[in-house]
């Protein structure tokens, strides 16, 4: 793995890790009854994710341009993209493991912010010895009991979980497939690079119209006492696992999505 590919994988890893940790923010919001604040603090991490994403596209585009200029084999480039997708899978897997730790950290941050009400001070606190000590104290691994509880009531249906896996898989490959389509159809590679919405559009509609409302409903249910926190945590775990499954499905979606975008680029 060369340095450029390593940077691409690290950026992909960070983007997907932060996305997976969004579920921990929900748990922390439910536990503290400060849902809006938990998402506001999570948006600080989202800024890091979006900054990383703004660099990811140019790095990938440069790699494709280099391959085209040197007439390099497509198999090597395809393998590069496979590695990037594996980085996304590893990031989400780590995110699932870190949910207990992250939700504890978010709960502490919410409590601290309630008193001091300064994002700048919170960031300085996080980088201080006291903040690092809080991170060390919050570290915990998912227990076997939590995995054993997965056989109990899920809180969401299989249809929602399968739809989430499908949508997450499409979102992961959207930009990557559009860039790889530019390699498959170099004559219209700029056009192809702008067609990620062909893949991402349907997935985004699926997420916002079907999956997010379901997760919002169960979040409101637990706040209002109609659902136990234990069941809510199991629901979040199942949603997280379906997201992980989606990154695995992305390996299957990638090539067909790239060829579809390369074909559509001829007729736009």
C-alpha atoms as a PDB file:
ATOM      1  CA  UNK A   1       0.000   0.000   0.000  1.00  0.00           C
ATOM      2  CA  UNK A   2       1.517   3.339  -1.054  1.00  0.00           C
ATOM      3  CA  UNK A   3       1.254   6.577   0.926  1.00  0.00           C
ATOM      4  CA  UNK A   4      -1.565   8.023  -1.169  1.00  0.00           C
ATOM      5  CA  UNK A   5      -3.735   4.946  -0.751  1.00  0.00           C
ATOM      6  CA  UNK A   6      -2.987   4.890   2.973  1.00  0.00           C
ATOM      7  CA  UNK A   7      -4.181   8.498   3.289  1.00  0.00           C
ATOM      8  CA  UNK A   8      -7.359   7.659   1.342  1.00  0.00           C
ATOM      9  CA  UNK A   9      -8.050   4.683   3.628  1.00  0.00           C
ATOM     10  CA  UNK A  10      -7.453   6.767   6.764  1.00  0.00           C
ATOM     11  CA  UNK A  11      -9.838   9.467   5.556  1.00  0.00           C
ATOM     12  CA  UNK A  12     -12.455   6.844   4.673  1.00  0.00           C
ATOM     13  CA  UNK A  13     -11.947   5.188   8.049  1.00  0.00           C
ATOM     14  CA  UNK A  14     -12.452   8.452   9.927  1.00  0.00           C
ATOM     15  CA  UNK A  15     -15.560   9.437   7.963  1.00  0.00           C
ATOM     16  CA  UNK A  16     -17.284   6.095   8.515  1.00  0.00           C
ATOM     17  CA  UNK A  17     -16.210   5.826  12.156  1.00  0.00           C
ATOM     18  CA  UNK A  18     -17.801   9.173  12.963  1.00  0.00           C
ATOM     19  CA  UNK A  19     -20.944   8.146  11.107  1.00  0.00           C
ATOM     20  CA  UNK A  20     -21.188   4.942  13.139  1.00  0.00           C
ATOM     21  CA  UNK A  21     -20.742   6.855  16.408  1.00  0.00           C
ATOM     22  CA  UNK A  22     -23.879   8.918  15.689  1.00  0.00           C
ATOM     23  CA  UNK A  23     -25.865   6.123  17.331  1.00  0.00           C
ATOM     24  CA  UNK A  24     -23.900   6.614  20.566  1.00  0.00           C
ATOM     25  CA  UNK A  25     -25.043  10.256  20.568  1.00  0.00           C
ATOM     26  CA  UNK A  26     -28.653   9.062  20.486  1.00  0.00           C
ATOM     27  CA  UNK A  27     -28.106   6.789  23.486  1.00  0.00           C
ATOM     28  CA  UNK A  28     -26.397   9.580  25.416  1.00  0.00           C
ATOM     29  CA  UNK A  29     -29.245  11.944  24.576  1.00  0.00           C
ATOM     30  CA  UNK A  30     -31.794   9.455  25.839  1.00  0.00           C
ATOM     31  CA  UNK A  31     -29.891   8.754  29.051  1.00  0.00           C
ATOM     32  CA  UNK A  32     -29.436  12.452  29.854  1.00  0.00           C
ATOM     33  CA  UNK A  33     -32.799  13.506  28.361  1.00  0.00           C
ATOM     34  CA  UNK A  34     -30.837  16.095  26.349  1.00  0.00           C
ATOM     35  CA  UNK A  35     -31.325  14.786  22.827  1.00  0.00           C
ATOM     36  CA  UNK A  36     -30.967  18.129  21.026  1.00  0.00           C
ATOM     37  CA  UNK A  37     -27.777  18.928  22.923  1.00  0.00           C
ATOM     38  CA  UNK A  38     -26.301  15.492  22.225  1.00  0.00           C
ATOM     39  CA  UNK A  39     -26.728  16.029  18.484  1.00  0.00           C
ATOM     40  CA  UNK A  40     -25.370  19.567  18.728  1.00  0.00           C
ATOM     41  CA  UNK A  41     -22.191  18.256  20.356  1.00  0.00           C
ATOM     42  CA  UNK A  42     -22.000  15.398  17.851  1.00  0.00           C
ATOM     43  CA  UNK A  43     -22.011  17.992  15.064  1.00  0.00           C
ATOM     44  CA  UNK A  44     -18.532  19.008  16.226  1.00  0.00           C
ATOM     45  CA  UNK A  45     -17.352  15.561  15.105  1.00  0.00           C
ATOM     46  CA  UNK A  46     -19.396  15.895  11.920  1.00  0.00           C
ATOM     47  CA  UNK A  47     -17.295  18.938  11.023  1.00  0.00           C
ATOM     48  CA  UNK A  48     -14.208  16.719  11.172  1.00  0.00           C
ATOM     49  CA  UNK A  49     -15.957  14.138   8.995  1.00  0.00           C
ATOM     50  CA  UNK A  50     -16.993  16.681   6.370  1.00  0.00           C
ATOM     51  CA  UNK A  51     -13.521  18.181   6.271  1.00  0.00           C
ATOM     52  CA  UNK A  52     -12.073  14.712   5.695  1.00  0.00           C
ATOM     53  CA  UNK A  53     -14.662  14.063   2.994  1.00  0.00           C
ATOM     54  CA  UNK A  54     -13.671  17.246   1.159  1.00  0.00           C
ATOM     55  CA  UNK A  55     -10.120  15.877   0.841  1.00  0.00           C
ATOM     56  CA  UNK A  56     -11.151  12.306   0.009  1.00  0.00           C
ATOM     57  CA  UNK A  57     -12.648  13.086  -3.408  1.00  0.00           C
ATOM     58  CA  UNK A  58      -9.582  14.911  -4.786  1.00  0.00           C
ATOM     59  CA  UNK A  59      -7.229  12.167  -3.546  1.00  0.00           C
ATOM     60  CA  UNK A  60      -9.305   9.489  -5.267  1.00  0.00           C
ATOM     61  CA  UNK A  61      -9.672  11.580  -8.438  1.00  0.00           C
ATOM     62  CA  UNK A  62      -5.909  12.131  -8.596  1.00  0.00           C
ATOM     63  CA  UNK A  63      -5.323   8.394  -8.269  1.00  0.00           C
ATOM     64  CA  UNK A  64      -7.674   7.708 -11.168  1.00  0.00           C
ATOM     65  CA  UNK A  65      -6.146  10.447 -13.322  1.00  0.00           C
ATOM     66  CA  UNK A  66      -2.708   8.951 -12.681  1.00  0.00           C
ATOM     67  CA  UNK A  67      -3.908   5.493 -13.716  1.00  0.00           C
ATOM     68  CA  UNK A  68      -5.426   6.867 -16.913  1.00  0.00           C
ATOM     69  CA  UNK A  69      -2.319   8.919 -17.754  1.00  0.00           C
ATOM     70  CA  UNK A  70      -0.030   5.919 -17.303  1.00  0.00           C
ATOM     71  CA  UNK A  71      -2.458   3.446 -18.921  1.00  0.00           C
ATOM     72  CA  UNK A  72      -2.275   1.322 -15.776  1.00  0.00           C
ATOM     73  CA  UNK A  73      -4.357  -1.810 -15.405  1.00  0.00           C
ATOM     74  CA  UNK A  74      -7.934  -1.501 -14.177  1.00  0.00           C
ATOM     75  CA  UNK A  75      -7.552  -4.546 -11.926  1.00  0.00           C
ATOM     76  CA  UNK A  76      -5.048  -2.723  -9.722  1.00  0.00           C
ATOM     77  CA  UNK A  77      -7.345   0.306  -9.450  1.00  0.00           C
ATOM     78  CA  UNK A  78     -10.329  -1.907  -8.675  1.00  0.00           C
ATOM     79  CA  UNK A  79      -8.344  -3.554  -5.894  1.00  0.00           C
ATOM     80  CA  UNK A  80      -7.515  -0.092  -4.527  1.00  0.00           C
ATOM     81  CA  UNK A  81     -11.218   0.659  -4.264  1.00  0.00           C
ATOM     82  CA  UNK A  82     -11.841  -2.713  -2.633  1.00  0.00           C
ATOM     83  CA  UNK A  83      -9.292  -1.795   0.033  1.00  0.00           C
ATOM     84  CA  UNK A  84     -11.000   1.565   0.579  1.00  0.00           C
ATOM     85  CA  UNK A  85     -14.332  -0.214   1.055  1.00  0.00           C
ATOM     86  CA  UNK A  86     -12.690  -2.591   3.533  1.00  0.00           C
ATOM     87  CA  UNK A  87     -11.484   0.455   5.470  1.00  0.00           C
ATOM     88  CA  UNK A  88     -15.110   1.602   5.694  1.00  0.00           C
ATOM     89  CA  UNK A  89     -16.169  -1.822   7.016  1.00  0.00           C
ATOM     90  CA  UNK A  90     -13.419  -1.849   9.646  1.00  0.00           C
ATOM     91  CA  UNK A  91     -14.389   1.673  10.729  1.00  0.00           C
ATOM     92  CA  UNK A  92     -18.041   0.766  11.246  1.00  0.00           C
ATOM     93  CA  UNK A  93     -17.056  -2.432  13.077  1.00  0.00           C
ATOM     94  CA  UNK A  94     -14.878  -0.372  15.421  1.00  0.00           C
ATOM     95  CA  UNK A  95     -17.714   2.125  15.794  1.00  0.00           C
ATOM     96  CA  UNK A  96     -20.057  -0.657  16.962  1.00  0.00           C
ATOM     97  CA  UNK A  97     -17.497  -1.738  19.569  1.00  0.00           C
ATOM     98  CA  UNK A  98     -16.958   1.854  20.712  1.00  0.00           C
ATOM     99  CA  UNK A  99     -20.653   2.698  21.173  1.00  0.00           C
ATOM    100  CA  UNK A 100     -20.637   2.012  24.967  1.00  0.00           C
ATOM    101  CA  UNK A 101     -17.489   4.084  25.449  1.00  0.00           C
ATOM    102  CA  UNK A 102     -18.650   6.937  23.222  1.00  0.00           C
ATOM    103  CA  UNK A 103     -22.080   7.229  24.782  1.00  0.00           C
ATOM    104  CA  UNK A 104     -20.454   7.580  28.205  1.00  0.00           C
ATOM    105  CA  UNK A 105     -18.189  10.306  26.857  1.00  0.00           C
ATOM    106  CA  UNK A 106     -21.120  12.118  25.275  1.00  0.00           C
ATOM    107  CA  UNK A 107     -23.075  11.898  28.543  1.00  0.00           C
ATOM    108  CA  UNK A 108     -20.140  13.460  30.422  1.00  0.00           C
ATOM    109  CA  UNK A 109     -19.718  16.158  27.784  1.00  0.00           C
ATOM    110  CA  UNK A 110     -23.421  17.008  27.959  1.00  0.00           C
ATOM    111  CA  UNK A 111     -23.259  17.314  31.737  1.00  0.00           C
ATOM    112  CA  UNK A 112     -20.153  19.516  31.560  1.00  0.00           C
ATOM    113  CA  UNK A 113     -21.635  21.686  28.799  1.00  0.00           C
ATOM    114  CA  UNK A 114     -24.805  22.225  30.835  1.00  0.00           C
ATOM    115  CA  UNK A 115     -22.686  23.987  33.459  1.00  0.00           C
ATOM    116  CA  UNK A 116     -20.108  25.875  31.389  1.00  0.00           C
ATOM    117  CA  UNK A 117     -22.010  26.342  28.103  1.00  0.00           C
ATOM    118  CA  UNK A 118     -18.944  26.933  25.944  1.00  0.00           C
ATOM    119  CA  UNK A 119     -17.922  24.728  23.038  1.00  0.00           C
ATOM    120  CA  UNK A 120     -14.423  26.208  23.062  1.00  0.00           C
ATOM    121  CA  UNK A 121     -13.945  25.397  26.737  1.00  0.00           C
ATOM    122  CA  UNK A 122     -15.318  21.907  26.129  1.00  0.00           C
ATOM    123  CA  UNK A 123     -12.764  21.261  23.381  1.00  0.00           C
ATOM    124  CA  UNK A 124      -9.957  22.550  25.590  1.00  0.00           C
ATOM    125  CA  UNK A 125     -11.227  20.370  28.423  1.00  0.00           C
ATOM    126  CA  UNK A 126     -11.216  17.328  26.118  1.00  0.00           C
ATOM    127  CA  UNK A 127      -7.543  17.927  25.278  1.00  0.00           C
ATOM    128  CA  UNK A 128      -6.524  18.518  28.889  1.00  0.00           C
ATOM    129  CA  UNK A 129      -5.152  15.847  31.281  1.00  0.00           C
ATOM    130  CA  UNK A 130      -8.554  15.765  33.002  1.00  0.00           C
ATOM    131  CA  UNK A 131     -10.264  15.157  29.659  1.00  0.00           C
ATOM    132  CA  UNK A 132      -7.850  12.384  28.718  1.00  0.00           C
ATOM    133  CA  UNK A 133      -8.410  10.820  32.133  1.00  0.00           C
ATOM    134  CA  UNK A 134     -12.169  10.936  31.505  1.00  0.00           C
ATOM    135  CA  UNK A 135     -11.632   9.137  28.190  1.00  0.00           C
ATOM    136  CA  UNK A 136      -9.559   6.469  29.923  1.00  0.00           C
ATOM    137  CA  UNK A 137     -12.202   5.987  32.617  1.00  0.00           C
ATOM    138  CA  UNK A 138     -15.011   5.771  30.063  1.00  0.00           C
ATOM    139  CA  UNK A 139     -13.405   3.014  28.003  1.00  0.00           C
ATOM    140  CA  UNK A 140     -15.474  -0.142  28.196  1.00  0.00           C
ATOM    141  CA  UNK A 141     -16.028  -3.108  25.929  1.00  0.00           C
ATOM    142  CA  UNK A 142     -19.437  -4.535  25.034  1.00  0.00           C
ATOM    143  CA  UNK A 143     -20.232  -7.368  27.419  1.00  0.00           C
ATOM    144  CA  UNK A 144     -21.269 -10.857  26.387  1.00  0.00           C
ATOM    145  CA  UNK A 145     -24.615 -10.207  28.023  1.00  0.00           C
ATOM    146  CA  UNK A 146     -25.279  -7.404  25.530  1.00  0.00           C
ATOM    147  CA  UNK A 147     -24.683  -9.748  22.603  1.00  0.00           C
ATOM    148  CA  UNK A 148     -26.801 -12.420  24.276  1.00  0.00           C
ATOM    149  CA  UNK A 149     -29.670  -9.919  24.584  1.00  0.00           C
ATOM    150  CA  UNK A 150     -29.746  -9.501  20.808  1.00  0.00           C
ATOM    151  CA  UNK A 151     -31.941 -12.594  20.523  1.00  0.00           C
ATOM    152  CA  UNK A 152     -34.646 -10.757  22.448  1.00  0.00           C
ATOM    153  CA  UNK A 153     -37.019  -8.107  21.093  1.00  0.00           C
ATOM    154  CA  UNK A 154     -35.285  -5.835  18.565  1.00  0.00           C
ATOM    155  CA  UNK A 155     -37.482  -2.726  18.617  1.00  0.00           C
ATOM    156  CA  UNK A 156     -37.488  -2.505  14.799  1.00  0.00           C
ATOM    157  CA  UNK A 157     -38.571  -4.951  12.128  1.00  0.00           C
ATOM    158  CA  UNK A 158     -36.385  -6.933   9.772  1.00  0.00           C
ATOM    159  CA  UNK A 159     -37.652  -4.811   6.885  1.00  0.00           C
ATOM    160  CA  UNK A 160     -36.163  -1.666   8.420  1.00  0.00           C
ATOM    161  CA  UNK A 161     -32.861  -3.410   9.135  1.00  0.00           C
ATOM    162  CA  UNK A 162     -32.591  -4.806   5.608  1.00  0.00           C
ATOM    163  CA  UNK A 163     -33.529  -1.446   4.098  1.00  0.00           C
ATOM    164  CA  UNK A 164     -30.905   0.261   6.251  1.00  0.00           C
ATOM    165  CA  UNK A 165     -28.229  -2.219   5.163  1.00  0.00           C
ATOM    166  CA  UNK A 166     -29.188  -1.709   1.511  1.00  0.00           C
ATOM    167  CA  UNK A 167     -29.233   2.093   1.812  1.00  0.00           C
ATOM    168  CA  UNK A 168     -25.956   2.257   3.726  1.00  0.00           C
ATOM    169  CA  UNK A 169     -24.286   0.046   1.134  1.00  0.00           C
ATOM    170  CA  UNK A 170     -25.385   2.376  -1.666  1.00  0.00           C
ATOM    171  CA  UNK A 171     -24.257   5.472   0.220  1.00  0.00           C
ATOM    172  CA  UNK A 172     -20.810   3.993   0.826  1.00  0.00           C
ATOM    173  CA  UNK A 173     -20.287   3.245  -2.882  1.00  0.00           C
ATOM    174  CA  UNK A 174     -21.977   6.355  -4.316  1.00  0.00           C
ATOM    175  CA  UNK A 175     -18.998   8.677  -4.659  1.00  0.00           C
ATOM    176  CA  UNK A 176     -16.503   5.838  -5.118  1.00  0.00           C
ATOM    177  CA  UNK A 177     -18.523   4.294  -7.943  1.00  0.00           C
ATOM    178  CA  UNK A 178     -18.922   7.635  -9.725  1.00  0.00           C
ATOM    179  CA  UNK A 179     -15.158   8.188  -9.643  1.00  0.00           C
ATOM    180  CA  UNK A 180     -14.373   4.659 -10.811  1.00  0.00           C
ATOM    181  CA  UNK A 181     -16.943   5.138 -13.590  1.00  0.00           C
ATOM    182  CA  UNK A 182     -14.709   7.954 -14.824  1.00  0.00           C
ATOM    183  CA  UNK A 183     -11.966   5.372 -15.308  1.00  0.00           C
ATOM    184  CA  UNK A 184     -14.339   3.023 -17.126  1.00  0.00           C
ATOM    185  CA  UNK A 185     -15.554   5.846 -19.361  1.00  0.00           C
ATOM    186  CA  UNK A 186     -12.636   8.332 -19.523  1.00  0.00           C
ATOM    187  CA  UNK A 187     -14.229  10.307 -22.343  1.00  0.00           C
ATOM    188  CA  UNK A 188     -16.923  11.479 -19.917  1.00  0.00           C
ATOM    189  CA  UNK A 189     -15.065  11.064 -16.635  1.00  0.00           C
ATOM    190  CA  UNK A 190     -15.954  14.557 -15.378  1.00  0.00           C
ATOM    191  CA  UNK A 191     -19.622  13.872 -16.084  1.00  0.00           C
ATOM    192  CA  UNK A 192     -19.403  10.487 -14.384  1.00  0.00           C
ATOM    193  CA  UNK A 193     -17.778  11.983 -11.297  1.00  0.00           C
ATOM    194  CA  UNK A 194     -20.833  14.224 -10.843  1.00  0.00           C
ATOM    195  CA  UNK A 195     -23.352  11.379 -11.071  1.00  0.00           C
ATOM    196  CA  UNK A 196     -23.023   9.937  -7.576  1.00  0.00           C
ATOM    197  CA  UNK A 197     -26.634  11.037  -6.990  1.00  0.00           C
ATOM    198  CA  UNK A 198     -27.708   8.224  -9.335  1.00  0.00           C
ATOM    199  CA  UNK A 199     -26.736   5.834  -6.546  1.00  0.00           C
ATOM    200  CA  UNK A 200     -26.917   8.053  -3.470  1.00  0.00           C
ATOM    201  CA  UNK A 201     -30.236   9.668  -4.334  1.00  0.00           C
ATOM    202  CA  UNK A 202     -32.343   6.544  -3.866  1.00  0.00           C
ATOM    203  CA  UNK A 203     -30.424   5.579  -0.733  1.00  0.00           C
ATOM    204  CA  UNK A 204     -30.913   9.040   0.795  1.00  0.00           C
ATOM    205  CA  UNK A 205     -34.646   8.932   0.116  1.00  0.00           C
ATOM    206  CA  UNK A 206     -34.795   5.480   1.697  1.00  0.00           C
ATOM    207  CA  UNK A 207     -32.937   6.668   4.803  1.00  0.00           C
ATOM    208  CA  UNK A 208     -34.943   9.848   5.354  1.00  0.00           C
ATOM    209  CA  UNK A 209     -38.349   8.441   4.390  1.00  0.00           C
ATOM    210  CA  UNK A 210     -38.223   5.020   6.067  1.00  0.00           C
ATOM    211  CA  UNK A 211     -35.307   4.464   8.438  1.00  0.00           C
ATOM    212  CA  UNK A 212     -34.735   7.781  10.230  1.00  0.00           C
ATOM    213  CA  UNK A 213     -38.440   8.189  11.129  1.00  0.00           C
ATOM    214  CA  UNK A 214     -38.405   4.701  12.678  1.00  0.00           C
ATOM    215  CA  UNK A 215     -35.347   5.503  14.775  1.00  0.00           C
ATOM    216  CA  UNK A 216     -36.827   8.859  15.766  1.00  0.00           C
ATOM    217  CA  UNK A 217     -40.057   7.203  16.875  1.00  0.00           C
ATOM    218  CA  UNK A 218     -38.305   4.713  19.156  1.00  0.00           C
ATOM    219  CA  UNK A 219     -36.155   7.564  20.520  1.00  0.00           C
ATOM    220  CA  UNK A 220     -39.312   9.502  21.446  1.00  0.00           C
ATOM    221  CA  UNK A 221     -40.868   6.328  22.881  1.00  0.00           C
ATOM    222  CA  UNK A 222     -38.015   5.769  25.304  1.00  0.00           C
ATOM    223  CA  UNK A 223     -37.976   9.435  26.365  1.00  0.00           C
ATOM    224  CA  UNK A 224     -41.722   9.273  27.041  1.00  0.00           C
ATOM    225  CA  UNK A 225     -41.414   5.991  28.916  1.00  0.00           C
ATOM    226  CA  UNK A 226     -43.172   3.766  26.388  1.00  0.00           C
ATOM    227  CA  UNK A 227     -39.958   1.828  25.687  1.00  0.00           C
ATOM    228  CA  UNK A 228     -37.229   0.725  28.074  1.00  0.00           C
ATOM    229  CA  UNK A 229     -33.685   2.024  27.672  1.00  0.00           C
ATOM    230  CA  UNK A 230     -32.457  -1.567  27.452  1.00  0.00           C
ATOM    231  CA  UNK A 231     -34.689  -2.198  24.433  1.00  0.00           C
ATOM    232  CA  UNK A 232     -33.599   1.088  22.893  1.00  0.00           C
ATOM    233  CA  UNK A 233     -29.940   0.101  23.240  1.00  0.00           C
ATOM    234  CA  UNK A 234     -30.671  -3.225  21.543  1.00  0.00           C
ATOM    235  CA  UNK A 235     -32.418  -1.339  18.754  1.00  0.00           C
ATOM    236  CA  UNK A 236     -29.366   0.875  18.277  1.00  0.00           C
ATOM    237  CA  UNK A 237     -27.093  -2.174  18.224  1.00  0.00           C
ATOM    238  CA  UNK A 238     -29.229  -3.824  15.554  1.00  0.00           C
ATOM    239  CA  UNK A 239     -29.246  -0.626  13.472  1.00  0.00           C
ATOM    240  CA  UNK A 240     -25.462  -0.414  13.867  1.00  0.00           C
ATOM    241  CA  UNK A 241     -25.033  -4.036  12.782  1.00  0.00           C
ATOM    242  CA  UNK A 242     -27.230  -3.429   9.734  1.00  0.00           C
ATOM    243  CA  UNK A 243     -24.999  -0.484   8.857  1.00  0.00           C
ATOM    244  CA  UNK A 244     -22.001  -2.809   9.140  1.00  0.00           C
ATOM    245  CA  UNK A 245     -23.728  -5.303   6.870  1.00  0.00           C
ATOM    246  CA  UNK A 246     -24.300  -2.470   4.396  1.00  0.00           C
ATOM    247  CA  UNK A 247     -20.567  -1.781   4.116  1.00  0.00           C
ATOM    248  CA  UNK A 248     -20.067  -5.464   3.294  1.00  0.00           C
ATOM    249  CA  UNK A 249     -22.816  -5.305   0.660  1.00  0.00           C
ATOM    250  CA  UNK A 250     -21.030  -2.293  -0.795  1.00  0.00           C
ATOM    251  CA  UNK A 251     -18.399  -4.666  -2.158  1.00  0.00           C
ATOM    252  CA  UNK A 252     -21.156  -6.276  -4.256  1.00  0.00           C
ATOM    253  CA  UNK A 253     -22.757  -2.984  -5.283  1.00  0.00           C
ATOM    254  CA  UNK A 254     -19.561  -1.223  -6.324  1.00  0.00           C
ATOM    255  CA  UNK A 255     -18.842  -2.598  -9.810  1.00  0.00           C
ATOM    256  CA  UNK A 256     -22.484  -2.703 -11.038  1.00  0.00           C
ATOM    257  CA  UNK A 257     -23.003   0.863  -9.743  1.00  0.00           C
ATOM    258  CA  UNK A 258     -19.833   2.067 -11.494  1.00  0.00           C
ATOM    259  CA  UNK A 259     -20.845   0.492 -14.810  1.00  0.00           C
ATOM    260  CA  UNK A 260     -24.345   1.956 -14.492  1.00  0.00           C
ATOM    261  CA  UNK A 261     -22.953   5.443 -13.929  1.00  0.00           C
ATOM    262  CA  UNK A 262     -20.435   5.031 -16.775  1.00  0.00           C
ATOM    263  CA  UNK A 263     -23.317   4.092 -19.100  1.00  0.00           C
ATOM    264  CA  UNK A 264     -25.559   6.951 -17.934  1.00  0.00           C
ATOM    265  CA  UNK A 265     -22.689   9.419 -18.480  1.00  0.00           C
ATOM    266  CA  UNK A 266     -23.006   8.786 -22.225  1.00  0.00           C
ATOM    267  CA  UNK A 267     -26.599  10.047 -22.305  1.00  0.00           C
ATOM    268  CA  UNK A 268     -26.701  12.897 -19.804  1.00  0.00           C
END
